[in-house]
Amino acid sequence: MDRLTKAFIALAAIGIAVAVYHGYDEVTSYTGPGSTVCNLSSFVSCSSVFASGDVAFPPGPYGLPLYIYGLVWFPLMVVLGFWYGRKKGTLNGEVLFPVLMVGNLFTIYLWYVELGVIHALCPVCISMYLLNYAMTAAGAKALLSS
């Protein structure tokens, strides 16, 4: 398994930890220990985003809470990273890059919801977007080097 694959898996594993933290905070309505770390101001605040009610996709009563997507996405990326790392010795950019771009399209929607609808930013959410962008860069590097 090459260094790029190990870095990809490490980024996805960090994403799992962040998604679990975010899920815990949403389930406890940001009242658990350590939840205040996410609230830096009224604009940069996980609590403001959560309190908005716009934390489900698709929007409406039948949407899943957004943290669920992170709890599925990042473990899936770990599995794919291990799968291709064991099978090919490196990431399969031809598969991973398009899949990760779907995740990036979803983050564009989430940026719109945070900035355009809620008018607040969730630092924990942004950290997950950034992790996805970094994994996409690794997927792009694997694609270009194949």
N, C-alpha and C. Protein backbone atom coordinates (compact mmCIF):
# COMPACT_ATOMS: atom_id res chain seq x y z
N MET A 1 0.86 -1.18 0.00
CA MET A 1 0.00 0.00 0.00
C MET A 1 0.90 1.24 0.00
N ASP A 2 0.68 2.14 -0.94
CA ASP A 2 1.55 3.31 -1.06
C ASP A 2 1.15 4.43 -0.09
N ARG A 3 1.98 5.47 -0.04
CA ARG A 3 1.76 6.57 0.90
C ARG A 3 0.47 7.34 0.60
N LEU A 4 0.14 7.49 -0.68
CA LEU A 4 -1.07 8.21 -1.05
C LEU A 4 -2.31 7.50 -0.51
N THR A 5 -2.32 6.19 -0.62
CA THR A 5 -3.45 5.40 -0.12
C THR A 5 -3.54 5.51 1.40
N LYS A 6 -2.39 5.44 2.07
CA LYS A 6 -2.38 5.57 3.54
C LYS A 6 -2.88 6.95 3.96
N ALA A 7 -2.48 7.99 3.23
CA ALA A 7 -2.95 9.35 3.54
C ALA A 7 -4.45 9.45 3.32
N PHE A 8 -4.94 8.87 2.25
CA PHE A 8 -6.37 8.88 1.95
C PHE A 8 -7.15 8.20 3.08
N ILE A 9 -6.68 7.04 3.49
CA ILE A 9 -7.35 6.29 4.56
C ILE A 9 -7.29 7.08 5.87
N ALA A 10 -6.17 7.72 6.16
CA ALA A 10 -6.05 8.54 7.38
C ALA A 10 -7.04 9.70 7.34
N LEU A 11 -7.17 10.38 6.21
CA LEU A 11 -8.12 11.49 6.09
C LEU A 11 -9.55 10.99 6.32
N ALA A 12 -9.88 9.85 5.72
CA ALA A 12 -11.22 9.29 5.89
C ALA A 12 -11.47 8.88 7.34
N ALA A 13 -10.44 8.35 8.00
CA ALA A 13 -10.58 7.96 9.41
C ALA A 13 -10.80 9.19 10.30
N ILE A 14 -10.10 10.27 10.00
CA ILE A 14 -10.33 11.52 10.73
C ILE A 14 -11.77 11.98 10.47
N GLY A 15 -12.23 11.83 9.24
CA GLY A 15 -13.61 12.17 8.90
C GLY A 15 -14.62 11.39 9.72
N ILE A 16 -14.33 10.11 9.97
CA ILE A 16 -15.22 9.29 10.80
C ILE A 16 -15.30 9.89 12.20
N ALA A 17 -14.14 10.23 12.77
CA ALA A 17 -14.12 10.80 14.12
C ALA A 17 -14.90 12.11 14.17
N VAL A 18 -14.71 12.96 13.18
CA VAL A 18 -15.42 14.25 13.16
C VAL A 18 -16.92 14.02 12.98
N ALA A 19 -17.30 13.07 12.12
CA ALA A 19 -18.72 12.78 11.90
C ALA A 19 -19.37 12.21 13.16
N VAL A 20 -18.64 11.38 13.89
CA VAL A 20 -19.18 10.84 15.16
C VAL A 20 -19.37 11.98 16.17
N TYR A 21 -18.38 12.86 16.27
CA TYR A 21 -18.49 14.02 17.16
C TYR A 21 -19.70 14.88 16.77
N HIS A 22 -19.84 15.13 15.47
CA HIS A 22 -20.94 15.96 14.98
C HIS A 22 -22.28 15.28 15.26
N GLY A 23 -22.37 13.98 15.01
CA GLY A 23 -23.60 13.24 15.30
C GLY A 23 -23.96 13.30 16.78
N TYR A 24 -22.95 13.12 17.63
CA TYR A 24 -23.18 13.20 19.08
C TYR A 24 -23.72 14.57 19.46
N ASP A 25 -23.11 15.61 18.91
CA ASP A 25 -23.57 16.96 19.22
C ASP A 25 -25.01 17.20 18.76
N GLU A 26 -25.34 16.71 17.58
CA GLU A 26 -26.72 16.91 17.11
C GLU A 26 -27.71 16.12 17.94
N VAL A 27 -27.36 14.89 18.29
CA VAL A 27 -28.26 14.06 19.08
C VAL A 27 -28.49 14.67 20.46
N THR A 28 -27.44 15.27 21.03
CA THR A 28 -27.57 15.89 22.35
C THR A 28 -27.98 17.36 22.26
N SER A 29 -28.34 17.82 21.05
CA SER A 29 -28.75 19.22 20.82
C SER A 29 -27.69 20.20 21.30
N TYR A 30 -26.45 19.85 21.12
CA TYR A 30 -25.31 20.71 21.46
C TYR A 30 -25.30 21.10 22.94
N THR A 31 -25.70 20.15 23.79
CA THR A 31 -25.66 20.39 25.23
C THR A 31 -24.65 19.49 25.92
N GLY A 32 -23.99 18.61 25.19
CA GLY A 32 -23.03 17.68 25.78
C GLY A 32 -21.72 18.37 26.10
N PRO A 33 -20.86 17.68 26.87
CA PRO A 33 -19.56 18.24 27.19
C PRO A 33 -18.73 18.46 25.92
N GLY A 34 -18.09 19.59 25.82
CA GLY A 34 -17.25 19.89 24.68
C GLY A 34 -18.00 20.52 23.51
N SER A 35 -19.31 20.65 23.61
CA SER A 35 -20.09 21.20 22.50
C SER A 35 -19.86 22.69 22.30
N THR A 36 -19.46 23.39 23.33
CA THR A 36 -19.27 24.83 23.20
C THR A 36 -18.05 25.17 22.35
N VAL A 37 -17.17 24.22 22.11
CA VAL A 37 -15.99 24.44 21.28
C VAL A 37 -16.40 24.87 19.87
N CYS A 38 -17.53 24.42 19.43
CA CYS A 38 -18.01 24.66 18.07
C CYS A 38 -18.69 26.03 17.92
N ASN A 39 -18.96 26.71 19.02
CA ASN A 39 -19.68 27.97 18.97
C ASN A 39 -18.73 29.13 19.24
N LEU A 40 -18.22 29.71 18.16
CA LEU A 40 -17.24 30.79 18.28
C LEU A 40 -17.90 32.17 18.28
N SER A 41 -19.02 32.31 17.57
CA SER A 41 -19.79 33.55 17.52
C SER A 41 -21.19 33.18 17.05
N SER A 42 -22.04 34.18 16.87
CA SER A 42 -23.39 33.86 16.38
C SER A 42 -23.36 33.42 14.92
N PHE A 43 -22.32 33.84 14.15
CA PHE A 43 -22.20 33.45 12.75
C PHE A 43 -21.44 32.14 12.59
N VAL A 44 -20.41 31.93 13.37
CA VAL A 44 -19.62 30.70 13.32
C VAL A 44 -20.04 29.85 14.51
N SER A 45 -21.07 29.04 14.29
CA SER A 45 -21.68 28.33 15.40
C SER A 45 -22.43 27.09 14.91
N CYS A 46 -22.04 25.94 15.43
CA CYS A 46 -22.76 24.71 15.12
C CYS A 46 -24.19 24.77 15.68
N SER A 47 -24.33 25.35 16.87
CA SER A 47 -25.65 25.45 17.49
C SER A 47 -26.60 26.28 16.65
N SER A 48 -26.10 27.37 16.05
CA SER A 48 -26.96 28.20 15.19
C SER A 48 -27.43 27.42 13.98
N VAL A 49 -26.53 26.64 13.40
CA VAL A 49 -26.90 25.83 12.24
C VAL A 49 -27.92 24.78 12.66
N PHE A 50 -27.66 24.09 13.76
CA PHE A 50 -28.56 23.05 14.22
C PHE A 50 -29.94 23.62 14.57
N ALA A 51 -29.96 24.76 15.25
CA ALA A 51 -31.22 25.36 15.68
C ALA A 51 -32.05 25.87 14.50
N SER A 52 -31.44 26.03 13.33
CA SER A 52 -32.16 26.55 12.18
C SER A 52 -33.24 25.58 11.68
N GLY A 53 -33.05 24.31 11.95
CA GLY A 53 -33.98 23.31 11.45
C GLY A 53 -33.66 22.82 10.04
N ASP A 54 -32.67 23.44 9.41
CA ASP A 54 -32.28 23.05 8.05
C ASP A 54 -31.13 22.05 8.09
N VAL A 55 -31.30 20.98 8.83
CA VAL A 55 -30.21 20.02 9.01
C VAL A 55 -30.61 18.62 8.54
N ALA A 56 -31.42 18.57 7.49
CA ALA A 56 -31.83 17.29 6.93
C ALA A 56 -31.76 17.36 5.41
N PHE A 57 -31.51 16.21 4.79
CA PHE A 57 -31.53 16.13 3.34
C PHE A 57 -32.22 14.83 2.96
N PRO A 58 -33.17 14.88 2.04
CA PRO A 58 -33.71 16.09 1.44
C PRO A 58 -34.45 16.92 2.47
N PRO A 59 -34.56 18.23 2.20
CA PRO A 59 -35.26 19.10 3.15
C PRO A 59 -36.69 18.62 3.37
N GLY A 60 -37.16 18.80 4.57
CA GLY A 60 -38.53 18.42 4.88
C GLY A 60 -38.60 17.33 5.92
N PRO A 61 -39.80 16.87 6.19
CA PRO A 61 -40.00 15.91 7.29
C PRO A 61 -39.43 14.52 7.03
N TYR A 62 -39.16 14.17 5.78
CA TYR A 62 -38.67 12.83 5.47
C TYR A 62 -37.17 12.77 5.20
N GLY A 63 -36.49 13.88 5.40
CA GLY A 63 -35.05 13.92 5.17
C GLY A 63 -34.28 13.27 6.31
N LEU A 64 -33.10 12.78 5.98
CA LEU A 64 -32.20 12.23 7.00
C LEU A 64 -31.37 13.35 7.59
N PRO A 65 -31.07 13.28 8.89
CA PRO A 65 -30.16 14.27 9.47
C PRO A 65 -28.83 14.24 8.73
N LEU A 66 -28.26 15.41 8.51
CA LEU A 66 -27.04 15.51 7.70
C LEU A 66 -25.86 14.74 8.28
N TYR A 67 -25.78 14.62 9.61
CA TYR A 67 -24.64 13.90 10.18
C TYR A 67 -24.63 12.44 9.75
N ILE A 68 -25.80 11.88 9.42
CA ILE A 68 -25.89 10.49 8.96
C ILE A 68 -25.06 10.30 7.69
N TYR A 69 -25.11 11.29 6.81
CA TYR A 69 -24.36 11.19 5.55
C TYR A 69 -22.86 11.09 5.83
N GLY A 70 -22.36 11.86 6.79
CA GLY A 70 -20.95 11.76 7.15
C GLY A 70 -20.61 10.42 7.79
N LEU A 71 -21.56 9.89 8.59
CA LEU A 71 -21.33 8.60 9.23
C LEU A 71 -21.34 7.44 8.24
N VAL A 72 -21.89 7.67 7.07
CA VAL A 72 -21.86 6.65 6.00
C VAL A 72 -20.70 6.93 5.04
N TRP A 73 -20.51 8.20 4.68
CA TRP A 73 -19.54 8.60 3.66
C TRP A 73 -18.10 8.24 4.04
N PHE A 74 -17.68 8.66 5.21
CA PHE A 74 -16.28 8.47 5.58
C PHE A 74 -15.92 7.00 5.79
N PRO A 75 -16.77 6.18 6.44
CA PRO A 75 -16.43 4.74 6.49
C PRO A 75 -16.39 4.11 5.10
N LEU A 76 -17.28 4.55 4.21
CA LEU A 76 -17.24 4.04 2.84
C LEU A 76 -15.90 4.37 2.19
N MET A 77 -15.39 5.57 2.42
CA MET A 77 -14.11 5.96 1.84
C MET A 77 -12.96 5.15 2.44
N VAL A 78 -13.04 4.84 3.74
CA VAL A 78 -12.01 3.98 4.35
C VAL A 78 -12.03 2.60 3.69
N VAL A 79 -13.21 2.05 3.52
CA VAL A 79 -13.34 0.72 2.90
C VAL A 79 -12.79 0.75 1.48
N LEU A 80 -13.17 1.77 0.69
CA LEU A 80 -12.66 1.86 -0.68
C LEU A 80 -11.14 2.04 -0.71
N GLY A 81 -10.63 2.84 0.22
CA GLY A 81 -9.18 3.03 0.29
C GLY A 81 -8.46 1.73 0.59
N PHE A 82 -8.96 0.99 1.57
CA PHE A 82 -8.35 -0.31 1.89
C PHE A 82 -8.51 -1.29 0.73
N TRP A 83 -9.69 -1.29 0.13
CA TRP A 83 -9.96 -2.22 -0.97
C TRP A 83 -8.96 -2.03 -2.10
N TYR A 84 -8.83 -0.79 -2.56
CA TYR A 84 -7.92 -0.54 -3.67
C TYR A 84 -6.46 -0.62 -3.23
N GLY A 85 -6.18 -0.25 -2.00
CA GLY A 85 -4.81 -0.37 -1.49
C GLY A 85 -4.34 -1.81 -1.46
N ARG A 86 -5.23 -2.71 -1.08
CA ARG A 86 -4.88 -4.14 -1.03
C ARG A 86 -4.88 -4.77 -2.41
N LYS A 87 -5.86 -4.36 -3.22
CA LYS A 87 -6.03 -4.99 -4.54
C LYS A 87 -4.99 -4.49 -5.55
N LYS A 88 -4.79 -3.17 -5.61
CA LYS A 88 -3.90 -2.58 -6.61
C LYS A 88 -2.62 -2.02 -6.03
N GLY A 89 -2.58 -1.84 -4.72
CA GLY A 89 -1.42 -1.23 -4.09
C GLY A 89 -1.51 0.28 -4.02
N THR A 90 -2.51 0.85 -4.71
CA THR A 90 -2.71 2.29 -4.70
C THR A 90 -4.19 2.60 -4.95
N LEU A 91 -4.55 3.85 -4.80
CA LEU A 91 -5.93 4.26 -5.02
C LEU A 91 -6.30 4.12 -6.50
N ASN A 92 -7.55 3.82 -6.75
CA ASN A 92 -8.06 3.77 -8.11
C ASN A 92 -8.74 5.11 -8.39
N GLY A 93 -7.98 6.03 -8.96
CA GLY A 93 -8.49 7.37 -9.22
C GLY A 93 -9.65 7.39 -10.20
N GLU A 94 -9.69 6.41 -11.11
CA GLU A 94 -10.78 6.35 -12.09
C GLU A 94 -12.13 6.11 -11.43
N VAL A 95 -12.11 5.46 -10.29
CA VAL A 95 -13.35 5.20 -9.54
C VAL A 95 -13.54 6.26 -8.45
N LEU A 96 -12.49 6.49 -7.67
CA LEU A 96 -12.62 7.37 -6.51
C LEU A 96 -12.86 8.83 -6.86
N PHE A 97 -12.18 9.34 -7.87
CA PHE A 97 -12.33 10.76 -8.19
C PHE A 97 -13.78 11.12 -8.54
N PRO A 98 -14.46 10.38 -9.43
CA PRO A 98 -15.87 10.72 -9.70
C PRO A 98 -16.77 10.57 -8.48
N VAL A 99 -16.52 9.54 -7.67
CA VAL A 99 -17.32 9.35 -6.46
C VAL A 99 -17.12 10.53 -5.51
N LEU A 100 -15.87 10.94 -5.33
CA LEU A 100 -15.58 12.07 -4.45
C LEU A 100 -16.15 13.37 -5.00
N MET A 101 -16.23 13.51 -6.31
CA MET A 101 -16.83 14.71 -6.89
C MET A 101 -18.31 14.79 -6.56
N VAL A 102 -18.98 13.66 -6.45
CA VAL A 102 -20.38 13.66 -6.00
C VAL A 102 -20.44 14.24 -4.58
N GLY A 103 -19.51 13.82 -3.73
CA GLY A 103 -19.44 14.39 -2.38
C GLY A 103 -19.18 15.88 -2.41
N ASN A 104 -18.34 16.33 -3.34
CA ASN A 104 -18.05 17.76 -3.45
C ASN A 104 -19.28 18.54 -3.91
N LEU A 105 -20.06 17.96 -4.83
CA LEU A 105 -21.31 18.62 -5.24
C LEU A 105 -22.25 18.75 -4.04
N PHE A 106 -22.29 17.74 -3.21
CA PHE A 106 -23.12 17.80 -2.01
C PHE A 106 -22.63 18.90 -1.07
N THR A 107 -21.30 19.06 -0.96
CA THR A 107 -20.80 20.13 -0.08
C THR A 107 -21.14 21.51 -0.63
N ILE A 108 -21.22 21.64 -1.95
CA ILE A 108 -21.65 22.93 -2.52
C ILE A 108 -23.07 23.25 -2.08
N TYR A 109 -23.93 22.25 -2.11
CA TYR A 109 -25.29 22.42 -1.61
C TYR A 109 -25.27 22.82 -0.13
N LEU A 110 -24.42 22.16 0.65
CA LEU A 110 -24.35 22.46 2.08
C LEU A 110 -23.80 23.86 2.35
N TRP A 111 -22.82 24.30 1.55
CA TRP A 111 -22.33 25.69 1.67
C TRP A 111 -23.49 26.66 1.42
N TYR A 112 -24.29 26.36 0.38
CA TYR A 112 -25.44 27.21 0.06
C TYR A 112 -26.41 27.27 1.26
N VAL A 113 -26.71 26.12 1.84
CA VAL A 113 -27.64 26.09 2.98
C VAL A 113 -27.08 26.91 4.13
N GLU A 114 -25.80 26.71 4.45
CA GLU A 114 -25.21 27.43 5.58
C GLU A 114 -25.14 28.93 5.32
N LEU A 115 -24.62 29.33 4.16
CA LEU A 115 -24.42 30.75 3.89
C LEU A 115 -25.68 31.45 3.38
N GLY A 116 -26.44 30.78 2.52
CA GLY A 116 -27.57 31.43 1.88
C GLY A 116 -28.88 31.31 2.61
N VAL A 117 -29.07 30.23 3.34
CA VAL A 117 -30.35 30.00 4.01
C VAL A 117 -30.24 30.28 5.51
N ILE A 118 -29.26 29.66 6.15
CA ILE A 118 -29.13 29.76 7.61
C ILE A 118 -28.38 31.03 8.02
N HIS A 119 -27.44 31.47 7.21
CA HIS A 119 -26.58 32.63 7.52
C HIS A 119 -25.72 32.37 8.75
N ALA A 120 -25.20 31.16 8.82
CA ALA A 120 -24.27 30.78 9.88
C ALA A 120 -23.41 29.63 9.35
N LEU A 121 -22.22 29.51 9.90
CA LEU A 121 -21.29 28.46 9.49
C LEU A 121 -21.01 27.53 10.66
N CYS A 122 -20.98 26.25 10.36
CA CYS A 122 -20.67 25.22 11.35
C CYS A 122 -19.22 24.79 11.13
N PRO A 123 -18.32 25.10 12.08
CA PRO A 123 -16.92 24.72 11.90
C PRO A 123 -16.70 23.21 11.76
N VAL A 124 -17.48 22.42 12.46
CA VAL A 124 -17.33 20.97 12.35
C VAL A 124 -17.73 20.51 10.95
N CYS A 125 -18.82 21.08 10.44
CA CYS A 125 -19.25 20.74 9.08
C CYS A 125 -18.17 21.13 8.08
N ILE A 126 -17.64 22.32 8.22
CA ILE A 126 -16.61 22.80 7.30
C ILE A 126 -15.38 21.89 7.35
N SER A 127 -15.05 21.39 8.53
CA SER A 127 -13.89 20.49 8.62
C SER A 127 -14.15 19.22 7.81
N MET A 128 -15.40 18.74 7.80
CA MET A 128 -15.71 17.55 7.00
C MET A 128 -15.65 17.88 5.51
N TYR A 129 -16.09 19.08 5.11
CA TYR A 129 -15.98 19.47 3.70
C TYR A 129 -14.50 19.48 3.30
N LEU A 130 -13.67 20.07 4.15
CA LEU A 130 -12.24 20.18 3.84
C LEU A 130 -11.59 18.80 3.76
N LEU A 131 -11.98 17.90 4.62
CA LEU A 131 -11.46 16.53 4.54
C LEU A 131 -11.86 15.90 3.20
N ASN A 132 -13.09 16.12 2.78
CA ASN A 132 -13.52 15.57 1.50
C ASN A 132 -12.73 16.18 0.34
N TYR A 133 -12.46 17.49 0.41
CA TYR A 133 -11.66 18.14 -0.64
C TYR A 133 -10.24 17.56 -0.67
N ALA A 134 -9.67 17.31 0.50
CA ALA A 134 -8.33 16.72 0.55
C ALA A 134 -8.34 15.29 -0.01
N MET A 135 -9.38 14.52 0.30
CA MET A 135 -9.48 13.17 -0.26
C MET A 135 -9.66 13.24 -1.78
N THR A 136 -10.39 14.26 -2.25
CA THR A 136 -10.56 14.43 -3.69
C THR A 136 -9.23 14.74 -4.35
N ALA A 137 -8.41 15.56 -3.69
CA ALA A 137 -7.07 15.85 -4.23
C ALA A 137 -6.25 14.57 -4.33
N ALA A 138 -6.36 13.70 -3.33
CA ALA A 138 -5.64 12.41 -3.39
C ALA A 138 -6.18 11.56 -4.54
N GLY A 139 -7.51 11.56 -4.70
CA GLY A 139 -8.10 10.82 -5.82
C GLY A 139 -7.66 11.38 -7.15
N ALA A 140 -7.57 12.70 -7.26
CA ALA A 140 -7.11 13.34 -8.51
C ALA A 140 -5.65 12.98 -8.79
N LYS A 141 -4.84 12.97 -7.74
CA LYS A 141 -3.42 12.61 -7.92
C LYS A 141 -3.31 11.17 -8.40
N ALA A 142 -4.13 10.28 -7.81
CA ALA A 142 -4.11 8.89 -8.25
C ALA A 142 -4.58 8.77 -9.70
N LEU A 143 -5.57 9.55 -10.07
CA LEU A 143 -6.09 9.53 -11.44
C LEU A 143 -5.04 10.02 -12.44
N LEU A 144 -4.36 11.09 -12.08
CA LEU A 144 -3.35 11.66 -12.99
C LEU A 144 -2.10 10.80 -13.10
N SER A 145 -1.81 10.03 -12.05
CA SER A 145 -0.59 9.22 -12.10
C SER A 145 -0.84 7.82 -12.68
N SER A 146 -2.08 7.52 -13.00
CA SER A 146 -2.35 6.18 -13.54
C SER A 146 -2.19 6.13 -15.05
